[in-house]
Protein backbone atom coordinates (compact mmCIF):
# COMPACT_ATOMS: atom_id res chain seq x y z
CA VAL A 1 -5.11 12.42 -6.73
CA GLY A 2 -2.66 9.62 -5.36
CA SER A 3 -5.62 7.39 -4.61
CA GLU A 4 -6.79 7.95 -7.74
CA MET A 5 -4.12 7.01 -9.87
CA CYS A 6 -3.42 3.94 -7.62
CA ILE A 7 -7.34 2.94 -8.43
CA ARG A 8 -6.69 3.24 -12.06
CA ASP A 9 -3.65 1.23 -11.83
CA SER A 10 -5.18 -1.25 -9.57
CA LYS A 11 -7.77 -1.67 -12.59
CA TYR A 12 -5.50 -2.17 -14.91
CA THR A 13 -3.20 -4.44 -13.56
CA TYR A 14 -4.04 -8.47 -13.67
CA PRO A 15 -4.42 -10.49 -10.33
CA GLY A 16 -1.32 -11.04 -8.56
CA GLY A 17 0.04 -8.04 -10.16
CA LYS A 18 1.73 -5.13 -8.26
CA VAL A 19 1.15 -1.25 -7.58
CA TRP A 20 3.43 0.60 -6.06
CA LEU A 21 3.04 4.54 -4.35
CA TYR A 22 6.12 6.10 -3.97
CA ALA A 23 7.19 9.83 -3.18
CA GLU A 24 10.44 11.99 -4.06
CA VAL A 25 10.83 15.18 -2.20
CA TYR A 26 13.00 17.70 -3.78
CA PRO A 27 13.92 21.43 -2.67
CA GLU A 28 11.46 22.87 -5.22
CA GLU A 29 9.03 20.07 -5.69
CA VAL A 30 7.04 16.93 -4.48
CA VAL A 31 7.29 13.96 -6.95
CA VAL A 32 4.59 11.34 -6.57
CA HIS A 33 4.65 8.06 -8.61
CA VAL A 34 2.63 5.10 -8.87
CA ARG A 35 4.04 2.36 -10.57
CA ASP A 36 2.31 -0.87 -11.91
CA THR A 37 2.90 -4.40 -13.63
CA GLY A 38 -0.41 -4.03 -15.48
CA GLN A 39 -1.07 -4.09 -19.38
CA GLY A 40 0.75 -0.92 -20.02
CA LEU A 41 -0.27 1.51 -23.04
CA THR A 42 -0.06 1.86 -26.63
CA GLU A 43 1.70 4.92 -27.93
CA GLU A 44 -1.42 5.96 -29.36
CA ASP A 45 -3.18 5.51 -25.63
CA ARG A 46 -0.25 7.73 -24.20
CA LYS A 47 -1.47 10.66 -26.24
CA HIS A 48 -4.74 10.90 -25.26
CA ILE A 49 -4.51 9.27 -21.43
CA PHE A 50 -5.22 12.85 -19.64
CA SER A 51 -8.54 13.59 -22.12
CA SER A 52 -11.71 13.77 -20.86
CA PHE A 53 -14.09 10.93 -21.57
CA ARG A 54 -11.27 8.81 -23.60
CA LYS A 55 -11.64 5.19 -23.95
CA LEU A 56 -8.48 3.38 -24.46
CA SER A 57 -7.41 -0.18 -26.15
CA ALA A 58 -6.60 -1.40 -22.25
CA VAL A 59 -9.71 -2.83 -20.38
CA PRO A 60 -10.19 -2.88 -16.86
CA THR A 61 -8.85 -6.50 -15.78
CA GLN A 62 -11.86 -7.71 -13.72
CA GLY A 63 -14.63 -6.26 -15.80
CA GLU A 64 -14.81 -3.17 -13.92
CA PRO A 65 -16.70 0.12 -15.23
CA SER A 66 -14.47 2.78 -16.58
CA THR A 67 -15.78 6.48 -17.81
CA GLY A 68 -12.40 7.64 -19.13
CA PHE A 69 -12.52 10.78 -16.77
CA GLY A 70 -10.64 9.98 -13.81
CA LEU A 71 -7.13 10.80 -15.46
CA ALA A 72 -8.47 14.04 -16.69
CA ILE A 73 -9.77 15.23 -13.40
CA VAL A 74 -6.23 14.07 -11.87
CA LYS A 75 -4.59 16.36 -14.37
CA LYS A 76 -6.87 19.21 -13.84
CA ILE A 77 -5.93 18.83 -9.93
CA ILE A 78 -2.43 18.95 -10.52
CA GLU A 79 -2.33 21.88 -13.16
CA LEU A 80 -4.80 24.05 -10.74
CA HIS A 81 -1.85 23.46 -8.21
CA ALA A 82 0.89 24.82 -10.48
CA GLY A 83 2.05 21.16 -10.84
CA ARG A 84 2.47 18.62 -14.14
CA VAL A 85 1.66 15.17 -14.61
CA TRP A 86 3.00 12.22 -17.10
CA VAL A 87 3.06 8.68 -17.81
CA GLU A 88 5.96 6.12 -18.80
CA SER A 89 4.46 3.24 -20.26
CA GLN A 90 5.61 0.11 -21.93
CA LEU A 91 2.77 -2.12 -23.36
CA GLY A 92 2.57 -5.71 -21.42
CA LYS A 93 5.18 -4.30 -18.96
CA GLY A 94 3.22 -1.79 -16.99
CA SER A 95 3.19 2.14 -16.43
CA ILE A 96 4.30 4.54 -14.00
CA PHE A 97 2.19 7.61 -13.43
CA SER A 98 3.64 10.33 -11.97
CA PHE A 99 2.59 13.97 -10.77
CA SER A 100 4.76 17.06 -9.49
CA ILE A 101 3.64 19.93 -7.61
CA PRO A 102 5.72 22.55 -6.05
CA ARG A 103 6.71 22.61 -2.51
CA ASN A 104 5.20 26.23 -2.10
CA ASN A 105 1.85 24.54 -2.64
CA VAL A 106 2.47 21.79 0.06
CA THR A 107 1.38 21.76 3.61
CA GLU A 108 3.55 20.04 5.68
CA THR A 109 1.99 18.64 8.93
CA ILE A 110 4.15 18.11 11.88
CA HIS A 111 2.44 16.09 14.77
CA ASP A 112 3.51 16.90 18.21
CA SER A 113 3.80 13.53 20.30
CA SER A 114 3.30 15.13 23.46
């Protein structure tokens, strides 16, 4: 899910722009954010960003293809894990795509160095 969001953000960020991925761990949930310095979204686009096969006004910056299905899949996967997904965006300034999942749905891996 995080990689799909990073791919999406890099697709809509101009060359030289930046994409960050970071997470916050809370007692009840884990929240993952993907922030970019891309085109940002219009208010109308924000209403439909997680809809299937929906083409938005923003276009990929390097002419990459876009089906309009990636973020709909992200939303479905997150909801299947009892989580939520949302976006904050300002046209011309970039976006922050975020998702959260309850910690009881997160498996923690402990690496033994011995």
